[in-house]
PDB file of N, CA and C in Angstrom:
ATOM      1  N   MET A   1     -20.445 -16.218  27.751  1.00  0.00           N
ATOM      2  CA  MET A   1     -19.535 -16.154  28.661  1.00  0.00           C
ATOM      3  C   MET A   1     -17.963 -16.172  28.183  1.00  0.00           C
ATOM      4  N   LYS A   2     -17.898 -16.976  27.151  1.00  0.00           N
ATOM      5  CA  LYS A   2     -16.436 -16.872  26.582  1.00  0.00           C
ATOM      6  C   LYS A   2     -15.849 -15.524  26.056  1.00  0.00           C
ATOM      7  N   LEU A   3     -17.050 -15.058  25.427  1.00  0.00           N
ATOM      8  CA  LEU A   3     -16.818 -13.576  24.799  1.00  0.00           C
ATOM      9  C   LEU A   3     -16.192 -12.511  25.905  1.00  0.00           C
ATOM     10  N   TYR A   4     -16.774 -12.862  27.313  1.00  0.00           N
ATOM     11  CA  TYR A   4     -16.205 -12.106  28.537  1.00  0.00           C
ATOM     12  C   TYR A   4     -14.994 -12.442  28.864  1.00  0.00           C
ATOM     13  N   VAL A   5     -14.636 -13.536  28.916  1.00  0.00           N
ATOM     14  CA  VAL A   5     -13.377 -13.965  29.340  1.00  0.00           C
ATOM     15  C   VAL A   5     -12.204 -13.544  28.306  1.00  0.00           C
ATOM     16  N   PHE A   6     -12.502 -13.726  26.959  1.00  0.00           N
ATOM     17  CA  PHE A   6     -11.647 -13.082  25.854  1.00  0.00           C
ATOM     18  C   PHE A   6     -11.490 -11.617  26.224  1.00  0.00           C
ATOM     19  N   SER A   7     -12.536 -10.697  26.296  1.00  0.00           N
ATOM     20  CA  SER A   7     -12.609  -9.206  26.487  1.00  0.00           C
ATOM     21  C   SER A   7     -11.704  -9.143  27.845  1.00  0.00           C
ATOM     22  N   LEU A   8     -11.782  -9.906  29.021  1.00  0.00           N
ATOM     23  CA  LEU A   8     -10.861  -9.778  30.140  1.00  0.00           C
ATOM     24  C   LEU A   8      -9.205  -9.955  29.595  1.00  0.00           C
ATOM     25  N   ALA A   9      -9.023 -10.932  28.960  1.00  0.00           N
ATOM     26  CA  ALA A   9      -7.788 -11.180  28.588  1.00  0.00           C
ATOM     27  C   ALA A   9      -7.071  -9.935  27.683  1.00  0.00           C
ATOM     28  N   ALA A  10      -7.799  -9.687  26.789  1.00  0.00           N
ATOM     29  CA  ALA A  10      -7.352  -8.588  25.877  1.00  0.00           C
ATOM     30  C   ALA A  10      -7.222  -7.338  26.934  1.00  0.00           C
ATOM     31  N   GLY A  11      -8.240  -6.827  27.759  1.00  0.00           N
ATOM     32  CA  GLY A  11      -7.769  -6.142  28.520  1.00  0.00           C
ATOM     33  C   GLY A  11      -6.712  -6.103  29.132  1.00  0.00           C
ATOM     34  N   LEU A  12      -6.541  -7.165  29.737  1.00  0.00           N
ATOM     35  CA  LEU A  12      -5.141  -7.482  30.769  1.00  0.00           C
ATOM     36  C   LEU A  12      -3.885  -7.190  29.842  1.00  0.00           C
ATOM     37  N   LEU A  13      -3.849  -7.974  28.590  1.00  0.00           N
ATOM     38  CA  LEU A  13      -2.662  -7.481  27.755  1.00  0.00           C
ATOM     39  C   LEU A  13      -2.611  -6.133  27.391  1.00  0.00           C
ATOM     40  N   VAL A  14      -3.600  -5.317  27.154  1.00  0.00           N
ATOM     41  CA  VAL A  14      -3.405  -4.018  26.779  1.00  0.00           C
ATOM     42  C   VAL A  14      -2.780  -3.282  28.063  1.00  0.00           C
ATOM     43  N   GLY A  15      -3.010  -3.784  29.267  1.00  0.00           N
ATOM     44  CA  GLY A  15      -2.883  -3.056  30.678  1.00  0.00           C
ATOM     45  C   GLY A  15      -1.240  -3.531  30.844  1.00  0.00           C
ATOM     46  N   VAL A  16      -0.816  -4.639  30.466  1.00  0.00           N
ATOM     47  CA  VAL A  16       0.366  -4.916  30.457  1.00  0.00           C
ATOM     48  C   VAL A  16       1.198  -4.312  29.466  1.00  0.00           C
ATOM     49  N   VAL A  17       0.826  -4.006  27.992  1.00  0.00           N
ATOM     50  CA  VAL A  17       1.542  -3.293  27.487  1.00  0.00           C
ATOM     51  C   VAL A  17       1.596  -1.755  27.760  1.00  0.00           C
ATOM     52  N   TYR A  18       0.463  -1.099  28.504  1.00  0.00           N
ATOM     53  CA  TYR A  18       0.612   0.230  28.763  1.00  0.00           C
ATOM     54  C   TYR A  18       1.762   0.159  30.123  1.00  0.00           C
ATOM     55  N   SER A  19       1.817  -0.724  30.821  1.00  0.00           N
ATOM     56  CA  SER A  19       2.678  -0.472  31.893  1.00  0.00           C
ATOM     57  C   SER A  19       4.199  -0.678  31.438  1.00  0.00           C
ATOM     58  N   LEU A  20       4.421  -1.464  30.576  1.00  0.00           N
ATOM     59  CA  LEU A  20       5.905  -1.547  29.938  1.00  0.00           C
ATOM     60  C   LEU A  20       6.272  -0.273  29.020  1.00  0.00           C
ATOM     61  N   LEU A  21       5.064   0.577  28.503  1.00  0.00           N
ATOM     62  CA  LEU A  21       5.402   1.693  27.701  1.00  0.00           C
ATOM     63  C   LEU A  21       5.254   2.919  28.965  1.00  0.00           C
ATOM     64  N   GLN A  22       5.076   2.293  30.132  1.00  0.00           N
ATOM     65  CA  GLN A  22       4.905   3.311  31.171  1.00  0.00           C
ATOM     66  C   GLN A  22       3.804   4.543  31.017  1.00  0.00           C
ATOM     67  N   VAL A  23       2.561   3.934  30.369  1.00  0.00           N
ATOM     68  CA  VAL A  23       1.692   5.156  30.144  1.00  0.00           C
ATOM     69  C   VAL A  23       0.496   4.637  31.094  1.00  0.00           C
ATOM     70  N   ARG A  24      -0.144   5.854  31.733  1.00  0.00           N
ATOM     71  CA  ARG A  24      -1.171   5.635  32.778  1.00  0.00           C
ATOM     72  C   ARG A  24      -2.250   5.308  31.886  1.00  0.00           C
ATOM     73  N   SER A  25      -3.257   4.652  32.683  1.00  0.00           N
ATOM     74  CA  SER A  25      -4.585   4.719  32.259  1.00  0.00           C
ATOM     75  C   SER A  25      -5.853   5.201  33.034  1.00  0.00           C
ATOM     76  N   PRO A  26      -6.449   5.793  32.486  1.00  0.00           N
ATOM     77  CA  PRO A  26      -6.785   6.392  31.125  1.00  0.00           C
ATOM     78  C   PRO A  26      -5.396   6.847  30.514  1.00  0.00           C
ATOM     79  N   ALA A  27      -5.598   6.370  29.091  1.00  0.00           N
ATOM     80  CA  ALA A  27      -4.309   7.067  28.487  1.00  0.00           C
ATOM     81  C   ALA A  27      -4.524   8.590  27.963  1.00  0.00           C
ATOM     82  N   PRO A  28      -3.576   9.283  27.775  1.00  0.00           N
ATOM     83  CA  PRO A  28      -3.716  10.427  27.294  1.00  0.00           C
ATOM     84  C   PRO A  28      -4.533  10.427  26.028  1.00  0.00           C
ATOM     85  N   PRO A  29      -5.338  11.694  25.351  1.00  0.00           N
ATOM     86  CA  PRO A  29      -6.208  11.504  24.379  1.00  0.00           C
ATOM     87  C   PRO A  29      -5.462  10.981  23.126  1.00  0.00           C
ATOM     88  N   LEU A  30      -4.344  11.392  22.677  1.00  0.00           N
ATOM     89  CA  LEU A  30      -3.737  11.078  21.464  1.00  0.00           C
ATOM     90  C   LEU A  30      -3.330   9.723  21.519  1.00  0.00           C
ATOM     91  N   ILE A  31      -2.752   9.265  22.832  1.00  0.00           N
ATOM     92  CA  ILE A  31      -2.201   7.789  22.702  1.00  0.00           C
ATOM     93  C   ILE A  31      -3.470   6.865  22.664  1.00  0.00           C
ATOM     94  N   ALA A  32      -4.635   7.311  23.379  1.00  0.00           N
ATOM     95  CA  ALA A  32      -5.832   6.655  23.270  1.00  0.00           C
ATOM     96  C   ALA A  32      -6.454   6.348  21.900  1.00  0.00           C
ATOM     97  N   LEU A  33      -6.340   7.419  21.002  1.00  0.00           N
ATOM     98  CA  LEU A  33      -7.097   7.435  19.439  1.00  0.00           C
ATOM     99  C   LEU A  33      -6.079   6.576  18.944  1.00  0.00           C
ATOM    100  N   VAL A  34      -4.654   6.873  19.164  1.00  0.00           N
ATOM    101  CA  VAL A  34      -3.747   5.795  18.256  1.00  0.00           C
ATOM    102  C   VAL A  34      -4.119   4.588  18.543  1.00  0.00           C
ATOM    103  N   GLY A  35      -4.210   4.126  19.801  1.00  0.00           N
ATOM    104  CA  GLY A  35      -4.735   2.543  20.184  1.00  0.00           C
ATOM    105  C   GLY A  35      -5.901   2.353  19.533  1.00  0.00           C
ATOM    106  N   LEU A  36      -7.087   3.006  19.558  1.00  0.00           N
ATOM    107  CA  LEU A  36      -8.203   2.588  18.912  1.00  0.00           C
ATOM    108  C   LEU A  36      -7.897   2.389  17.692  1.00  0.00           C
ATOM    109  N   LEU A  37      -7.092   3.330  16.918  1.00  0.00           N
ATOM    110  CA  LEU A  37      -6.816   2.995  15.393  1.00  0.00           C
ATOM    111  C   LEU A  37      -6.334   1.839  15.362  1.00  0.00           C
ATOM    112  N   GLY A  38      -5.437   1.285  15.986  1.00  0.00           N
ATOM    113  CA  GLY A  38      -4.681   0.158  16.098  1.00  0.00           C
ATOM    114  C   GLY A  38      -5.402  -1.212  16.300  1.00  0.00           C
ATOM    115  N   ILE A  39      -6.618  -0.947  17.100  1.00  0.00           N
ATOM    116  CA  ILE A  39      -7.431  -1.819  17.277  1.00  0.00           C
ATOM    117  C   ILE A  39      -8.491  -2.126  16.217  1.00  0.00           C
ATOM    118  N   LEU A  40      -8.948  -1.018  15.437  1.00  0.00           N
ATOM    119  CA  LEU A  40      -9.776  -1.142  14.091  1.00  0.00           C
ATOM    120  C   LEU A  40      -8.949  -1.959  12.815  1.00  0.00           C
ATOM    121  N   LEU A  41      -7.575  -1.420  12.864  1.00  0.00           N
ATOM    122  CA  LEU A  41      -6.929  -1.661  11.981  1.00  0.00           C
ATOM    123  C   LEU A  41      -6.646  -3.312  12.228  1.00  0.00           C
ATOM    124  N   GLY A  42      -6.332  -3.676  13.398  1.00  0.00           N
ATOM    125  CA  GLY A  42      -6.057  -5.073  13.645  1.00  0.00           C
ATOM    126  C   GLY A  42      -7.158  -6.110  13.807  1.00  0.00           C
ATOM    127  N   GLU A  43      -8.524  -5.636  13.627  1.00  0.00           N
ATOM    128  CA  GLU A  43      -9.547  -6.344  13.534  1.00  0.00           C
ATOM    129  C   GLU A  43      -9.634  -6.617  11.849  1.00  0.00           C
ATOM    130  N   GLN A  44      -8.841  -5.992  10.955  1.00  0.00           N
ATOM    131  CA  GLN A  44      -9.035  -6.334   9.719  1.00  0.00           C
ATOM    132  C   GLN A  44      -7.862  -7.194   9.034  1.00  0.00           C
ATOM    133  N   VAL A  45      -6.964  -7.213  10.066  1.00  0.00           N
ATOM    134  CA  VAL A  45      -5.902  -8.175   9.338  1.00  0.00           C
ATOM    135  C   VAL A  45      -6.201  -9.799   9.107  1.00  0.00           C
ATOM    136  N   ILE A  46      -7.103 -10.331   9.792  1.00  0.00           N
ATOM    137  CA  ILE A  46      -7.332 -11.906   9.189  1.00  0.00           C
ATOM    138  C   ILE A  46      -8.432 -11.643   8.081  1.00  0.00           C
ATOM    139  N   PRO A  47      -9.438 -10.959   8.324  1.00  0.00           N
ATOM    140  CA  PRO A  47     -10.210 -11.102   7.001  1.00  0.00           C
ATOM    141  C   PRO A  47      -9.409 -10.422   5.732  1.00  0.00           C
ATOM    142  N   VAL A  48      -8.799  -9.596   5.600  1.00  0.00           N
ATOM    143  CA  VAL A  48      -8.105  -9.193   4.524  1.00  0.00           C
ATOM    144  C   VAL A  48      -6.836  -9.972   4.191  1.00  0.00           C
ATOM    145  N   GLY A  49      -6.292 -10.558   4.997  1.00  0.00           N
ATOM    146  CA  GLY A  49      -5.151 -11.756   4.847  1.00  0.00           C
ATOM    147  C   GLY A  49      -5.867 -12.968   4.233  1.00  0.00           C
ATOM    148  N   LYS A  50      -6.972 -13.227   4.772  1.00  0.00           N
ATOM    149  CA  LYS A  50      -7.501 -14.588   4.009  1.00  0.00           C
ATOM    150  C   LYS A  50      -7.641 -14.177   2.605  1.00  0.00           C
ATOM    151  N   GLN A  51      -8.346 -13.074   2.236  1.00  0.00           N
ATOM    152  CA  GLN A  51      -8.452 -12.683   0.721  1.00  0.00           C
ATOM    153  C   GLN A  51      -7.308 -12.677   0.091  1.00  0.00           C
ATOM    154  N   LEU A  52      -6.321 -12.192   0.898  1.00  0.00           N
ATOM    155  CA  LEU A  52      -5.007 -11.975   0.028  1.00  0.00           C
ATOM    156  C   LEU A  52      -4.406 -13.348  -0.268  1.00  0.00           C
ATOM    157  N   LEU A  53      -4.330 -14.369   0.662  1.00  0.00           N
ATOM    158  CA  LEU A  53      -4.217 -15.653   0.630  1.00  0.00           C
ATOM    159  C   LEU A  53      -4.799 -16.170  -0.583  1.00  0.00           C
ATOM    160  N   GLN A  54      -6.014 -15.861  -0.743  1.00  0.00           N
ATOM    161  CA  GLN A  54      -6.926 -16.532  -2.044  1.00  0.00           C
ATOM    162  C   GLN A  54      -6.250 -15.979  -3.237  1.00  0.00           C
ATOM    163  N   GLY A  55      -5.631 -15.048  -3.295  1.00  0.00           N
ATOM    164  CA  GLY A  55      -5.130 -14.410  -4.481  1.00  0.00           C
ATOM    165  C   GLY A  55      -5.597 -13.264  -4.932  1.00  0.00           C
ATOM    166  N   SER A  56      -6.307 -12.581  -4.138  1.00  0.00           N
ATOM    167  CA  SER A  56      -6.964 -11.216  -4.449  1.00  0.00           C
ATOM    168  C   SER A  56      -5.808 -10.154  -4.181  1.00  0.00           C
ATOM    169  N   SER A  57      -6.074  -9.048  -5.092  1.00  0.00           N
ATOM    170  CA  SER A  57      -5.305  -8.040  -4.747  1.00  0.00           C
ATOM    171  C   SER A  57      -5.439  -7.372  -3.422  1.00  0.00           C
ATOM    172  N   PHE A  58      -4.687  -6.230  -3.027  1.00  0.00           N
ATOM    173  CA  PHE A  58      -4.891  -5.721  -1.851  1.00  0.00           C
ATOM    174  C   PHE A  58      -6.298  -4.823  -1.735  1.00  0.00           C
ATOM    175  N   HIS A  59      -6.202  -4.015  -2.962  1.00  0.00           N
ATOM    176  CA  HIS A  59      -7.688  -3.305  -3.439  1.00  0.00           C
ATOM    177  C   HIS A  59      -8.900  -4.136  -3.272  1.00  0.00           C
ATOM    178  N   SER A  60      -8.884  -5.130  -3.945  1.00  0.00           N
ATOM    179  CA  SER A  60      -9.804  -6.204  -3.809  1.00  0.00           C
ATOM    180  C   SER A  60     -10.161  -6.853  -2.524  1.00  0.00           C
ATOM    181  N   ALA A  61      -9.133  -7.313  -1.703  1.00  0.00           N
ATOM    182  CA  ALA A  61      -9.330  -7.721  -0.452  1.00  0.00           C
ATOM    183  C   ALA A  61      -9.925  -6.885   0.367  1.00  0.00           C
ATOM    184  N   CYS A  62      -9.627  -5.368   0.559  1.00  0.00           N
ATOM    185  CA  CYS A  62     -10.140  -4.575   1.214  1.00  0.00           C
ATOM    186  C   CYS A  62     -11.658  -4.122   1.051  1.00  0.00           C
ATOM    187  N   ASN A  63     -11.915  -4.098  -0.192  1.00  0.00           N
ATOM    188  CA  ASN A  63     -13.352  -3.744  -0.816  1.00  0.00           C
ATOM    189  C   ASN A  63     -14.225  -5.075  -0.556  1.00  0.00           C
ATOM    190  N   GLY A  64     -13.766  -6.264  -0.802  1.00  0.00           N
ATOM    191  CA  GLY A  64     -14.220  -7.668  -0.389  1.00  0.00           C
ATOM    192  C   GLY A  64     -14.687  -7.671   0.929  1.00  0.00           C
ATOM    193  N   THR A  65     -13.737  -7.275   2.017  1.00  0.00           N
ATOM    194  CA  THR A  65     -14.114  -7.375   3.326  1.00  0.00           C
ATOM    195  C   THR A  65     -14.875  -6.135   3.739  1.00  0.00           C
ATOM    196  N   GLN A  66     -14.944  -5.171   2.893  1.00  0.00           N
ATOM    197  CA  GLN A  66     -15.487  -3.908   3.679  1.00  0.00           C
ATOM    198  C   GLN A  66     -14.369  -3.214   4.635  1.00  0.00           C
ATOM    199  N   ALA A  67     -13.239  -3.531   4.634  1.00  0.00           N
ATOM    200  CA  ALA A  67     -12.368  -3.135   5.730  1.00  0.00           C
ATOM    201  C   ALA A  67     -12.306  -1.783   5.594  1.00  0.00           C
ATOM    202  N   THR A  68     -12.321  -0.671   4.382  1.00  0.00           N
ATOM    203  CA  THR A  68     -12.269   0.531   4.592  1.00  0.00           C
ATOM    204  C   THR A  68     -13.172   1.220   5.107  1.00  0.00           C
ATOM    205  N   SER A  69     -14.443   0.614   4.878  1.00  0.00           N
ATOM    206  CA  SER A  69     -15.734   1.347   5.369  1.00  0.00           C
ATOM    207  C   SER A  69     -15.688   1.173   6.987  1.00  0.00           C
ATOM    208  N   HIS A  70     -15.123  -0.013   7.370  1.00  0.00           N
ATOM    209  CA  HIS A  70     -15.293  -0.428   8.769  1.00  0.00           C
ATOM    210  C   HIS A  70     -14.287   0.571   9.747  1.00  0.00           C
ATOM    211  N   VAL A  71     -12.870   0.779   9.020  1.00  0.00           N
ATOM    212  CA  VAL A  71     -12.027   1.504   9.627  1.00  0.00           C
ATOM    213  C   VAL A  71     -12.257   2.913   9.641  1.00  0.00           C
ATOM    214  N   LEU A  72     -12.680   3.539   8.493  1.00  0.00           N
ATOM    215  CA  LEU A  72     -12.810   5.061   8.335  1.00  0.00           C
ATOM    216  C   LEU A  72     -14.311   5.519   8.584  1.00  0.00           C
ATOM    217  N   GLY A  73     -15.349   4.515   8.347  1.00  0.00           N
ATOM    218  CA  GLY A  73     -16.734   4.989   8.448  1.00  0.00           C
ATOM    219  C   GLY A  73     -17.081   5.700   7.113  1.00  0.00           C
ATOM    220  N   GLN A  74     -18.323   6.027   7.220  1.00  0.00           N
ATOM    221  CA  GLN A  74     -18.761   6.900   6.101  1.00  0.00           C
ATOM    222  C   GLN A  74     -17.849   8.297   6.144  1.00  0.00           C
ATOM    223  N   LEU A  75     -17.440   8.608   4.937  1.00  0.00           N
ATOM    224  CA  LEU A  75     -16.287   9.543   4.785  1.00  0.00           C
ATOM    225  C   LEU A  75     -17.278  10.922   4.390  1.00  0.00           C
ATOM    226  N   PRO A  76     -16.776  12.106   4.842  1.00  0.00           N
ATOM    227  CA  PRO A  76     -17.432  13.168   4.614  1.00  0.00           C
ATOM    228  C   PRO A  76     -17.702  13.503   2.944  1.00  0.00           C
ATOM    229  N   GLY A  77     -18.973  13.860   2.688  1.00  0.00           N
ATOM    230  CA  GLY A  77     -19.328  14.012   1.402  1.00  0.00           C
ATOM    231  C   GLY A  77     -19.860  12.855   0.574  1.00  0.00           C
ATOM    232  N   ARG A  78     -19.951  11.582   1.242  1.00  0.00           N
ATOM    233  CA  ARG A  78     -20.311  10.604   0.306  1.00  0.00           C
ATOM    234  C   ARG A  78     -21.664  10.010   1.329  1.00  0.00           C
ATOM    235  N   THR A  79     -22.719   9.870   0.707  1.00  0.00           N
ATOM    236  CA  THR A  79     -24.081   9.321   0.979  1.00  0.00           C
ATOM    237  C   THR A  79     -23.921   7.853   1.013  1.00  0.00           C
ATOM    238  N   ALA A  80     -24.659   7.341   2.097  1.00  0.00           N
ATOM    239  CA  ALA A  80     -25.068   5.811   1.825  1.00  0.00           C
ATOM    240  C   ALA A  80     -25.526   5.325   0.392  1.00  0.00           C
ATOM    241  N   SER A  81     -26.151   5.862  -0.205  1.00  0.00           N
ATOM    242  CA  SER A  81     -26.643   5.572  -1.547  1.00  0.00           C
ATOM    243  C   SER A  81     -25.576   5.660  -2.665  1.00  0.00           C
ATOM    244  N   ALA A  82     -24.776   6.730  -2.628  1.00  0.00           N
ATOM    245  CA  ALA A  82     -23.667   6.938  -3.546  1.00  0.00           C
ATOM    246  C   ALA A  82     -22.456   5.603  -3.384  1.00  0.00           C
ATOM    247  N   GLU A  83     -22.351   5.344  -2.010  1.00  0.00           N
ATOM    248  CA  GLU A  83     -21.479   4.318  -1.813  1.00  0.00           C
ATOM    249  C   GLU A  83     -21.806   3.027  -2.252  1.00  0.00           C
ATOM    250  N   LYS A  84     -23.281   2.546  -2.181  1.00  0.00           N
ATOM    251  CA  LYS A  84     -23.824   1.405  -2.537  1.00  0.00           C
ATOM    252  C   LYS A  84     -23.510   1.131  -4.284  1.00  0.00           C
ATOM    253  N   THR A  85     -23.967   2.259  -4.966  1.00  0.00           N
ATOM    254  CA  THR A  85     -23.792   2.540  -6.253  1.00  0.00           C
ATOM    255  C   THR A  85     -22.267   2.361  -6.828  1.00  0.00           C
ATOM    256  N   SER A  86     -21.442   2.961  -6.018  1.00  0.00           N
ATOM    257  CA  SER A  86     -20.057   2.776  -6.402  1.00  0.00           C
ATOM    258  C   SER A  86     -19.525   1.261  -6.411  1.00  0.00           C
ATOM    259  N   HIS A  87     -20.279   0.511  -5.429  1.00  0.00           N
ATOM    260  CA  HIS A  87     -19.875  -0.794  -5.068  1.00  0.00           C
ATOM    261  C   HIS A  87     -20.363  -1.759  -6.318  1.00  0.00           C
ATOM    262  N   LYS A  88     -21.514  -1.318  -6.861  1.00  0.00           N
ATOM    263  CA  LYS A  88     -22.069  -2.283  -7.964  1.00  0.00           C
ATOM    264  C   LYS A  88     -21.394  -2.104  -9.228  1.00  0.00           C
ATOM    265  N   ALA A  89     -20.963  -0.808  -9.254  1.00  0.00           N
ATOM    266  CA  ALA A  89     -20.222  -0.498 -10.558  1.00  0.00           C
ATOM    267  C   ALA A  89     -18.855  -1.186 -10.821  1.00  0.00           C
TER     268      ALA A  89
END
């Protein structure tokens, strides 16, 4: 139940921001996509930040939390097995 309340609160916050920016909902496609990118990046701030505070480099922090694969997904031309072997090396 708590997750639903947090989701509603986040939606209300986004609605307030849209209103302040005078953007109608549903937002135009480009604005919506930029907003989704912001959500994806925002989800990674805390895990990557924790790694950075522990002394990891930015690259190591992104790899350790798998932030890049979470934000970008599987990049074209890369297979899942090739990605696993590159993490082991």
